[in-house]
Amino acid sequence: MTIQAHIIGAGLAGSEAAWQLAQRGIKTVIHEMRPGKSSPAHKSGLCAELVCSNSLRSDDYTNSAVGLLHQEMRLAGSLIMACADATKVPAGGALAVDREGFARTVTEKLRSHPNISFVSEEVTTLPDDDGNKHIIASGPLTSPGLIAAILSEVNNQSLNFYDAIAPVVFKDSIDFNKAWFQSRYDKGDKFDYINCPLSRDEYYNFVEELLRAEKTEFHDFEKAEYFDGCLPIEVMAERGIETLVFGPMKPVGLTNPHHPENKPYAVVQLRQDNKEDTLRNMVGFQTKLKYGEQKRIFRMIPGLENAEFARLGGIHKNTFIKSPLLLDSQLRLKTRPHIRFAGQITGCEGYIESAAVGLACGYFTACEISGHQAVLPPETTAIGAMLQHLRDDTNPDAFQPMNINFGLFPAIQGERTPNGKFRKIKGRERKEAYCKRALQDIQNWIKNL
């Protein structure tokens, strides 16, 4: 019998895992419940649909951990990165994509691959050990039926948090007599971001209304545990009246050409959301406000008084497992090693992190099916550091989702100078050293792919 790989979920992780398997000659079946049944956040049946921001964050692989992860994945033959590069839209130093174009490109690539087939169904039970290999990449919005099956197997060792979505505005409804184009510190193209300025009084009135606004209520049995990297704007405001001006509304690096003599007290930025640049995403404005309140309060922002919204903000529940307790070093479920987990359900956070875990999971599975010895990516690489986070059992009870960051890498403290003295490396130079080391080490690992 020819061993196949079966993947549950066609999000970023599942799509990447399927591609890595198919490219290695493994017959792969993707089981996806959409469009027959959707999640609270998805809108289509396309693979790798982006349900929150359209940004994959910084693309600087010389000084940024996520940019480094981008580059490592490119070098490793990532489908997600190839499609992101093919559908990118201007976003300064970030890699942002045309949301629909990106998902459509991924879908076309997968559906046209001779080693990949699709089954449209909702999977509600854990797969039996039938000789094939299985990957659960059902994401943070895994359907209740499958979650129940997973929880039953892992003795309810799961956690969850709530992730909020930012509104999207029609660009032609923005008032450019008040707003202007500029990237922070003039990085990238000046048209990458639209800026809406607030005076001190406008900012304080805005925060006051945020705090008074009606919000989506949780059920009595639910407890809201947010990921700090994606807090709702109103939750940030609750942490202090100045919190937003040091966060998503910081005014630094921007000059209002309408009133260059008056520095804005706060600024709201809107990033391009589609290739045609007809839609703009409110950067950092994830929210759980009720829809009517969103329209009322966000139209208080100068330049957005007549804003028309293509999508209002929303909130959804994310579920993840305690990977350090439940998975082995190759992402296999310890109690059922024919099953692997990939993507955000493992406890990574972010689009590209999810895809990176999918890439590694696809590689591990392909090695097992073909009888080759899998080699773990070095912890000095971004991919390796992300995987190390998922198996770090130092304090599993405190395990939480994590974006890639240099704090996950083995530390570089300094270097020996030619005269034998030790010199500490700090700041930007230290980040550059992490990236240089990682790119050297990933090249050696890729030889095993």
Protein backbone atom coordinates (compact mmCIF):
# COMPACT_ATOMS: atom_id res chain seq x y z
CA MET A 1 0.00 0.00 0.00
CA THR A 2 1.25 3.45 -0.90
CA ILE A 3 1.43 5.56 2.23
CA GLN A 4 -0.41 8.87 1.91
CA ALA A 5 -0.42 12.02 3.96
CA HIS A 6 -3.76 13.40 5.10
CA ILE A 7 -3.97 17.01 6.25
CA ILE A 8 -6.92 18.43 8.17
CA GLY A 9 -7.22 22.13 7.40
CA ALA A 10 -6.20 24.27 4.43
CA GLY A 11 -5.02 27.34 6.30
CA LEU A 12 -1.47 28.63 6.03
CA ALA A 13 0.06 25.73 7.96
CA GLY A 14 -1.93 23.03 6.20
CA SER A 15 -1.29 24.55 2.78
CA GLU A 16 2.45 24.79 3.42
CA ALA A 17 2.66 21.26 4.82
CA ALA A 18 0.78 19.88 1.80
CA TRP A 19 3.13 21.66 -0.60
CA GLN A 20 6.25 20.36 1.15
CA LEU A 21 4.91 16.81 1.01
CA ALA A 22 3.70 16.97 -2.60
CA GLN A 23 6.96 18.49 -3.80
CA ARG A 24 8.71 15.42 -2.35
CA GLY A 25 6.48 13.05 -4.29
CA ILE A 26 4.11 12.16 -1.44
CA LYS A 27 0.44 11.72 -2.36
CA THR A 28 -1.38 14.18 -0.14
CA VAL A 29 -5.06 14.64 0.69
CA ILE A 30 -6.31 17.93 2.15
CA HIS A 31 -9.53 17.72 4.20
CA GLU A 32 -11.17 21.15 4.47
CA MET A 33 -14.67 21.88 5.79
CA ARG A 34 -15.00 25.22 4.01
CA PRO A 35 -16.98 26.39 2.09
CA GLY A 36 -19.60 23.82 3.16
CA LYS A 37 -19.12 24.88 6.77
CA SER A 38 -17.32 28.04 7.78
CA SER A 39 -15.77 29.46 10.95
CA PRO A 40 -16.80 32.68 12.69
CA ALA A 41 -13.98 34.59 10.95
CA HIS A 42 -13.59 33.06 7.48
CA LYS A 43 -15.44 34.49 4.48
CA SER A 44 -14.50 32.11 1.63
CA GLY A 45 -13.53 28.56 0.79
CA LEU A 46 -10.07 29.57 -0.40
CA CYS A 47 -6.92 28.04 1.07
CA ALA A 48 -4.71 30.20 3.31
CA GLU A 49 -7.40 32.86 3.78
CA LEU A 50 -6.11 35.72 5.93
CA VAL A 51 -8.75 36.49 8.54
CA CYS A 52 -7.01 39.35 10.35
CA SER A 53 -4.38 41.73 8.97
CA ASN A 54 -3.04 41.39 5.44
CA SER A 55 0.49 42.03 6.67
CA LEU A 56 3.16 39.38 7.26
CA ARG A 57 5.06 42.08 9.16
CA SER A 58 8.67 43.17 8.62
CA ASP A 59 10.53 41.78 5.61
CA ASP A 60 13.95 42.93 6.81
CA TYR A 61 16.02 39.75 7.14
CA THR A 62 19.13 41.58 8.35
CA ASN A 63 17.65 43.05 11.52
CA SER A 64 14.22 41.51 12.20
CA ALA A 65 13.31 38.07 13.50
CA VAL A 66 10.16 37.80 11.40
CA GLY A 67 11.97 39.11 8.32
CA LEU A 68 14.60 36.46 8.94
CA LEU A 69 11.87 33.82 9.11
CA HIS A 70 10.57 35.07 5.75
CA GLN A 71 13.98 34.62 4.16
CA GLU A 72 14.61 31.20 5.68
CA MET A 73 11.30 29.99 4.30
CA ARG A 74 12.07 31.39 0.87
CA LEU A 75 15.34 29.49 0.87
CA ALA A 76 13.50 26.32 1.96
CA GLY A 77 11.03 26.49 -0.94
CA SER A 78 8.00 27.83 0.90
CA LEU A 79 4.73 28.01 -1.03
CA ILE A 80 3.35 30.67 1.31
CA MET A 81 6.33 32.96 0.81
CA ALA A 82 6.34 32.47 -2.97
CA CYS A 83 2.65 33.41 -3.15
CA ALA A 84 3.13 36.34 -0.75
CA ASP A 85 5.96 37.73 -2.89
CA ALA A 86 3.81 37.30 -6.01
CA THR A 87 0.85 39.22 -4.54
CA LYS A 88 2.55 41.82 -2.34
CA VAL A 89 1.27 45.36 -2.05
CA PRO A 90 3.20 48.45 -0.84
CA ALA A 91 3.68 48.54 2.92
CA GLY A 92 6.99 50.24 3.64
CA GLY A 93 9.40 47.79 5.21
CA ALA A 94 6.63 45.24 5.80
CA LEU A 95 5.46 42.44 3.52
CA ALA A 96 1.74 42.93 2.97
CA VAL A 97 -0.32 41.08 0.40
CA ASP A 98 -3.47 41.47 -1.64
CA ARG A 99 -5.69 39.44 0.65
CA GLU A 100 -7.89 37.72 -1.95
CA GLY A 101 -5.13 37.50 -4.55
CA PHE A 102 -2.84 35.76 -2.09
CA ALA A 103 -5.42 33.14 -1.04
CA ARG A 104 -6.45 32.55 -4.64
CA THR A 105 -2.84 32.02 -5.73
CA VAL A 106 -2.19 29.51 -2.93
CA THR A 107 -5.42 27.67 -3.80
CA GLU A 108 -4.57 27.47 -7.52
CA LYS A 109 -1.07 26.16 -6.78
CA LEU A 110 -2.39 23.42 -4.51
CA ARG A 111 -5.33 22.37 -6.68
CA SER A 112 -3.16 22.11 -9.79
CA HIS A 113 -0.47 19.96 -8.13
CA PRO A 114 -0.63 16.35 -9.37
CA ASN A 115 0.16 14.94 -5.91
CA ILE A 116 -2.56 16.85 -4.07
CA SER A 117 -6.27 16.10 -3.85
CA PHE A 118 -9.04 17.71 -1.82
CA VAL A 119 -11.90 16.30 0.23
CA SER A 120 -14.58 18.77 1.24
CA GLU A 121 -15.69 17.63 4.69
CA GLU A 122 -15.67 18.48 8.35
CA VAL A 123 -13.49 16.08 10.33
CA THR A 124 -14.84 15.53 13.83
CA THR A 125 -12.79 12.55 15.02
CA LEU A 126 -9.10 11.85 15.35
CA PRO A 127 -7.83 9.69 12.47
CA ASP A 128 -7.14 6.04 13.18
CA ASP A 129 -3.72 4.49 12.65
CA ASP A 130 -4.47 3.15 9.16
CA GLY A 131 -0.88 3.12 7.92
CA ASN A 132 -1.09 6.66 6.57
CA LYS A 133 0.29 9.78 8.23
CA HIS A 134 -1.98 12.55 9.42
CA ILE A 135 -1.46 16.24 10.16
CA ILE A 136 -3.97 18.31 12.11
CA ALA A 137 -3.55 21.89 10.92
CA SER A 138 -7.07 23.00 11.72
CA GLY A 139 -5.92 26.31 13.14
CA PRO A 140 -7.03 28.44 16.07
CA LEU A 141 -10.64 28.24 14.85
CA THR A 142 -10.87 24.45 14.92
CA SER A 143 -14.49 23.26 14.76
CA PRO A 144 -16.11 22.23 18.05
CA GLY A 145 -16.42 18.58 17.02
CA LEU A 146 -12.73 18.15 16.30
CA ILE A 147 -11.75 20.15 19.37
CA ALA A 148 -13.84 17.80 21.51
CA ALA A 149 -12.07 14.80 19.98
CA ILE A 150 -8.65 16.37 20.60
CA LEU A 151 -9.50 17.31 24.18
CA SER A 152 -10.69 13.79 24.89
CA GLU A 153 -7.32 12.42 23.71
CA VAL A 154 -5.14 14.93 25.56
CA ASN A 155 -7.08 14.96 28.84
CA ASN A 156 -8.37 18.48 28.26
CA GLN A 157 -4.85 19.92 28.28
CA SER A 158 -5.69 22.87 26.08
CA LEU A 159 -5.78 26.62 26.47
CA ASN A 160 -7.49 29.38 24.56
CA PHE A 161 -7.41 33.10 24.06
CA TYR A 162 -9.33 35.66 22.05
CA ASP A 163 -8.03 37.31 18.90
CA ALA A 164 -9.55 40.49 17.46
CA ILE A 165 -9.84 41.68 13.86
CA ALA A 166 -9.22 45.25 12.65
CA PRO A 167 -11.71 47.19 10.47
CA VAL A 168 -11.10 47.85 6.77
CA VAL A 169 -12.06 51.22 5.23
CA PHE A 170 -12.84 52.12 1.63
CA LYS A 171 -9.98 54.40 0.61
CA ASP A 172 -12.16 56.80 -1.37
CA SER A 173 -14.19 57.58 1.77
CA ILE A 174 -11.12 59.06 3.54
CA ASP A 175 -10.89 62.87 3.69
CA PHE A 176 -7.46 63.84 2.35
CA ASN A 177 -7.96 67.43 3.36
CA LYS A 178 -7.07 66.10 6.81
CA ALA A 179 -5.27 62.80 6.11
CA TRP A 180 -2.00 62.39 4.21
CA PHE A 181 0.28 59.75 2.72
CA GLN A 182 3.57 59.00 4.52
CA SER A 183 5.46 55.99 5.87
CA ARG A 184 6.94 56.38 9.32
CA TYR A 185 10.40 57.99 9.04
CA ASP A 186 9.75 58.00 5.25
CA LYS A 187 10.67 54.33 4.93
CA GLY A 188 9.46 52.66 1.75
CA ASP A 189 7.10 54.42 -0.65
CA LYS A 190 5.29 57.46 0.75
CA PHE A 191 1.96 56.01 -0.40
CA ASP A 192 2.29 52.90 1.76
CA TYR A 193 0.37 54.41 4.69
CA ILE A 194 -2.41 56.95 5.09
CA ASN A 195 -2.22 58.97 8.31
CA CYS A 196 -5.04 60.60 10.26
CA PRO A 197 -3.88 63.08 12.95
CA LEU A 198 -5.46 63.79 16.32
CA SER A 199 -4.82 66.75 18.58
CA ARG A 200 -4.48 66.22 22.31
CA ASP A 201 -8.15 67.05 22.95
CA GLU A 202 -9.30 64.87 20.04
CA TYR A 203 -7.20 61.99 21.32
CA TYR A 204 -8.54 62.24 24.88
CA ASN A 205 -12.13 62.45 23.64
CA PHE A 206 -11.50 59.41 21.44
CA VAL A 207 -10.10 57.35 24.33
CA GLU A 208 -12.98 58.43 26.58
CA GLU A 209 -15.50 57.15 24.03
CA LEU A 210 -13.56 53.91 23.60
CA LEU A 211 -13.79 53.27 27.31
CA ARG A 212 -17.53 54.09 27.42
CA ALA A 213 -18.47 52.11 24.30
CA GLU A 214 -20.62 48.99 24.23
CA LYS A 215 -18.52 45.89 23.72
CA THR A 216 -19.18 42.32 22.68
CA GLU A 217 -20.09 40.33 25.76
CA PHE A 218 -18.67 36.92 26.54
CA HIS A 219 -20.71 34.01 27.82
CA ASP A 220 -20.61 33.37 31.54
CA PHE A 221 -18.48 30.24 31.03
CA GLU A 222 -15.89 32.09 28.94
CA LYS A 223 -12.83 33.90 30.22
CA ALA A 224 -11.14 36.40 27.92
CA GLU A 225 -7.39 35.79 27.70
CA TYR A 226 -5.92 37.93 24.95
CA PHE A 227 -2.58 37.54 23.17
CA ASP A 228 -0.56 40.67 23.96
CA GLY A 229 0.51 41.07 20.33
CA CYS A 230 -3.10 41.43 19.16
CA LEU A 231 -5.00 43.25 21.92
CA PRO A 232 -8.28 44.98 21.09
CA ILE A 233 -7.83 48.74 20.88
CA GLU A 234 -10.27 49.30 23.75
CA VAL A 235 -8.43 46.80 25.99
CA MET A 236 -5.20 48.70 25.37
CA ALA A 237 -6.98 51.94 26.29
CA GLU A 238 -8.11 50.40 29.58
CA ARG A 239 -4.43 49.97 30.56
CA GLY A 240 -3.89 53.74 30.73
CA ILE A 241 -4.98 56.84 28.87
CA GLU A 242 -1.57 57.29 27.21
CA THR A 243 -1.14 53.64 26.22
CA LEU A 244 -2.28 54.13 22.62
CA VAL A 245 0.12 57.01 21.90
CA PHE A 246 2.96 54.64 22.77
CA GLY A 247 1.36 51.86 20.73
CA PRO A 248 -0.63 51.85 17.47
CA MET A 249 -1.35 55.60 17.60
CA LYS A 250 2.21 56.80 18.18
CA PRO A 251 2.93 59.99 16.20
CA VAL A 252 6.71 59.59 15.85
CA GLY A 253 8.36 59.77 12.42
CA LEU A 254 5.41 61.58 10.82
CA THR A 255 4.83 65.20 9.76
CA ASN A 256 1.39 66.52 8.83
CA PRO A 257 1.83 68.47 5.56
CA HIS A 258 -1.50 70.25 6.14
CA HIS A 259 -0.13 71.76 9.36
CA PRO A 260 3.65 71.14 9.47
CA GLU A 261 4.04 73.56 12.38
CA ASN A 262 1.75 71.48 14.61
CA LYS A 263 2.94 68.03 15.57
CA PRO A 264 -0.03 65.66 15.99
CA TYR A 265 -0.54 64.25 19.47
CA ALA A 266 -1.60 60.88 18.03
CA VAL A 267 -1.89 59.34 14.57
CA VAL A 268 -4.03 56.55 13.15
CA GLN A 269 -2.37 54.74 10.23
CA LEU A 270 -4.17 52.85 7.46
CA ARG A 271 -2.26 50.26 5.43
CA GLN A 272 -3.06 49.08 1.91
CA ASP A 273 -5.28 45.97 2.09
CA ASN A 274 -5.66 44.93 -1.55
CA LYS A 275 -3.68 45.16 -4.78
CA GLU A 276 -5.99 47.75 -6.33
CA ASP A 277 -5.54 49.92 -3.22
CA THR A 278 -9.24 50.50 -2.81
CA LEU A 279 -9.24 49.20 0.77
CA ARG A 280 -7.24 50.36 3.78
CA ASN A 281 -6.72 48.42 7.04
CA MET A 282 -6.72 50.38 10.31
CA VAL A 283 -3.33 49.39 11.73
CA GLY A 284 -3.49 48.07 15.29
CA PHE A 285 -7.25 48.67 15.59
CA GLN A 286 -8.38 45.16 16.42
CA THR A 287 -11.60 45.50 18.35
CA LYS A 288 -14.50 43.79 20.09
CA LEU A 289 -16.72 46.88 20.04
CA LYS A 290 -20.25 46.40 18.75
CA TYR A 291 -20.63 47.32 15.09
CA GLY A 292 -22.66 50.48 15.68
CA GLU A 293 -20.14 51.70 18.23
CA GLN A 294 -17.24 51.07 15.83
CA LYS A 295 -18.80 53.30 13.19
CA ARG A 296 -19.62 56.03 15.69
CA ILE A 297 -16.27 56.12 17.46
CA PHE A 298 -13.90 55.52 14.54
CA ARG A 299 -15.64 58.32 12.61
CA MET A 300 -14.45 60.65 15.38
CA ILE A 301 -10.95 60.30 13.89
CA PRO A 302 -10.10 63.31 11.68
CA GLY A 303 -10.20 62.19 8.07
CA LEU A 304 -12.57 59.30 8.82
CA GLU A 305 -15.71 61.33 9.57
CA ASN A 306 -17.40 59.90 6.47
CA ALA A 307 -15.57 56.58 6.41
CA GLU A 308 -17.32 53.64 4.78
CA PHE A 309 -16.31 50.25 6.15
CA ALA A 310 -15.73 47.24 3.92
CA ARG A 311 -15.30 45.16 7.08
CA LEU A 312 -15.88 46.00 10.70
CA GLY A 313 -13.76 44.60 13.48
CA GLY A 314 -14.67 41.35 15.14
CA ILE A 315 -13.52 38.86 17.71
CA HIS A 316 -13.01 35.12 17.71
CA LYS A 317 -11.79 32.45 20.05
CA ASN A 318 -8.43 30.81 19.37
CA THR A 319 -7.61 27.35 20.69
CA PHE A 320 -4.18 25.80 21.14
CA ILE A 321 -2.75 22.75 22.85
CA LYS A 322 0.05 22.43 25.40
CA SER A 323 2.58 21.33 22.81
CA PRO A 324 5.54 20.95 25.22
CA LEU A 325 3.62 18.24 27.08
CA LEU A 326 1.81 16.62 24.18
CA LEU A 327 4.10 16.67 21.12
CA ASP A 328 7.52 15.22 20.43
CA SER A 329 10.39 17.03 18.69
CA GLN A 330 8.90 16.22 15.27
CA LEU A 331 5.43 17.50 16.21
CA ARG A 332 3.97 14.00 16.65
CA LEU A 333 1.26 13.46 19.25
CA LYS A 334 3.03 11.31 21.84
CA THR A 335 -0.02 9.13 22.47
CA ARG A 336 -0.76 8.69 18.74
CA PRO A 337 2.48 9.17 16.77
CA HIS A 338 0.74 8.71 13.41
CA ILE A 339 -0.78 12.17 14.04
CA ARG A 340 1.14 15.43 13.87
CA PHE A 341 0.00 18.94 14.66
CA ALA A 342 0.98 22.07 12.73
CA GLY A 343 0.21 25.78 12.79
CA GLN A 344 -1.39 27.99 15.38
CA ILE A 345 -3.12 25.15 17.19
CA THR A 346 0.39 24.17 18.39
CA GLY A 347 0.92 27.50 20.14
CA CYS A 348 2.81 29.55 17.60
CA GLU A 349 1.30 32.96 16.87
CA GLY A 350 1.16 34.76 13.55
CA TYR A 351 0.64 33.98 9.91
CA ILE A 352 4.22 33.32 8.96
CA GLU A 353 5.03 31.44 12.16
CA SER A 354 2.07 29.15 11.43
CA ALA A 355 3.30 28.55 7.90
CA ALA A 356 6.84 27.88 9.15
CA VAL A 357 5.61 25.17 11.53
CA GLY A 358 3.61 23.75 8.62
CA LEU A 359 6.75 23.67 6.50
CA ALA A 360 8.69 21.79 9.18
CA CYS A 361 5.78 19.41 9.79
CA GLY A 362 5.53 18.62 6.08
CA TYR A 363 9.27 17.93 5.95
CA PHE A 364 9.18 15.66 9.02
CA THR A 365 6.22 13.71 7.62
CA ALA A 366 7.82 13.32 4.20
CA CYS A 367 11.00 11.97 5.79
CA GLU A 368 9.03 9.43 7.82
CA ILE A 369 7.03 8.22 4.82
CA SER A 370 10.08 7.95 2.55
CA GLY A 371 12.28 6.32 5.20
CA HIS A 372 14.77 9.16 5.52
CA GLN A 373 16.15 10.48 8.79
CA ALA A 374 14.68 13.88 9.57
CA VAL A 375 17.11 16.52 10.79
CA LEU A 376 15.81 19.19 13.16
CA PRO A 377 16.52 22.75 12.03
CA PRO A 378 19.16 24.37 14.27
CA GLU A 379 17.82 26.41 17.16
CA THR A 380 20.01 29.24 15.88
CA THR A 381 17.62 29.62 12.92
CA ALA A 382 14.20 31.27 13.08
CA ILE A 383 12.44 28.03 12.09
CA GLY A 384 14.41 26.09 14.70
CA ALA A 385 13.80 28.69 17.40
CA MET A 386 10.05 28.58 16.72
CA LEU A 387 10.02 24.79 17.02
CA GLN A 388 12.08 24.99 20.20
CA HIS A 389 9.39 27.22 21.72
CA LEU A 390 6.83 24.49 21.01
CA ARG A 391 8.85 21.85 22.83
CA ASP A 392 10.19 23.98 25.68
CA ASP A 393 8.86 22.17 28.75
CA THR A 394 10.56 24.44 31.28
CA ASN A 395 7.17 25.65 32.54
CA PRO A 396 4.40 24.00 30.48
CA ASP A 397 1.63 25.33 32.71
CA ALA A 398 2.60 28.86 31.62
CA PHE A 399 2.88 27.95 27.91
CA GLN A 400 1.44 30.72 25.73
CA PRO A 401 1.35 31.50 21.98
CA MET A 402 4.45 33.32 20.75
CA ASN A 403 5.52 35.28 17.71
CA ILE A 404 9.06 34.70 16.48
CA ASN A 405 11.49 37.00 18.29
CA PHE A 406 15.19 37.07 19.05
CA GLY A 407 14.47 36.12 22.67
CA LEU A 408 13.77 32.56 21.44
CA PHE A 409 17.24 32.21 19.87
CA PRO A 410 20.39 30.98 21.64
CA ALA A 411 22.00 34.17 22.91
CA ILE A 412 24.86 35.96 21.24
CA GLN A 413 26.58 37.97 23.94
CA GLY A 414 29.65 39.16 22.07
CA GLU A 415 32.72 38.23 20.09
CA ARG A 416 36.48 37.93 20.43
CA THR A 417 38.44 40.76 18.86
CA PRO A 418 41.71 40.09 16.95
CA ASN A 419 43.71 40.92 20.09
CA GLY A 420 41.81 38.30 22.09
CA LYS A 421 39.55 40.61 24.08
CA PHE A 422 35.84 39.98 24.48
CA ARG A 423 33.55 42.64 23.04
CA LYS A 424 29.83 42.80 23.82
CA ILE A 425 27.43 43.16 20.91
CA LYS A 426 24.36 45.30 21.51
CA GLY A 427 21.36 46.78 19.77
CA ARG A 428 21.11 46.63 16.01
CA GLU A 429 24.51 45.01 15.66
CA ARG A 430 23.38 42.14 17.87
CA LYS A 431 20.23 41.58 15.80
CA GLU A 432 22.34 41.59 12.66
CA ALA A 433 24.58 38.95 14.24
CA TYR A 434 21.57 36.74 14.98
CA CYS A 435 20.43 37.04 11.35
CA LYS A 436 23.86 36.40 9.88
CA ARG A 437 24.34 33.27 12.01
CA ALA A 438 20.85 32.00 11.19
CA LEU A 439 21.21 32.41 7.43
CA GLN A 440 24.48 30.51 7.49
CA ASP A 441 22.97 27.69 9.55
CA ILE A 442 19.74 27.44 7.55
CA GLN A 443 21.74 26.86 4.37
CA ASN A 444 23.32 23.78 5.93
CA TRP A 445 19.94 22.50 7.12
CA ILE A 446 18.38 23.02 3.69
CA LYS A 447 20.88 20.58 2.23
CA ASN A 448 18.94 17.90 4.14
CA LEU A 449 15.65 18.93 2.52
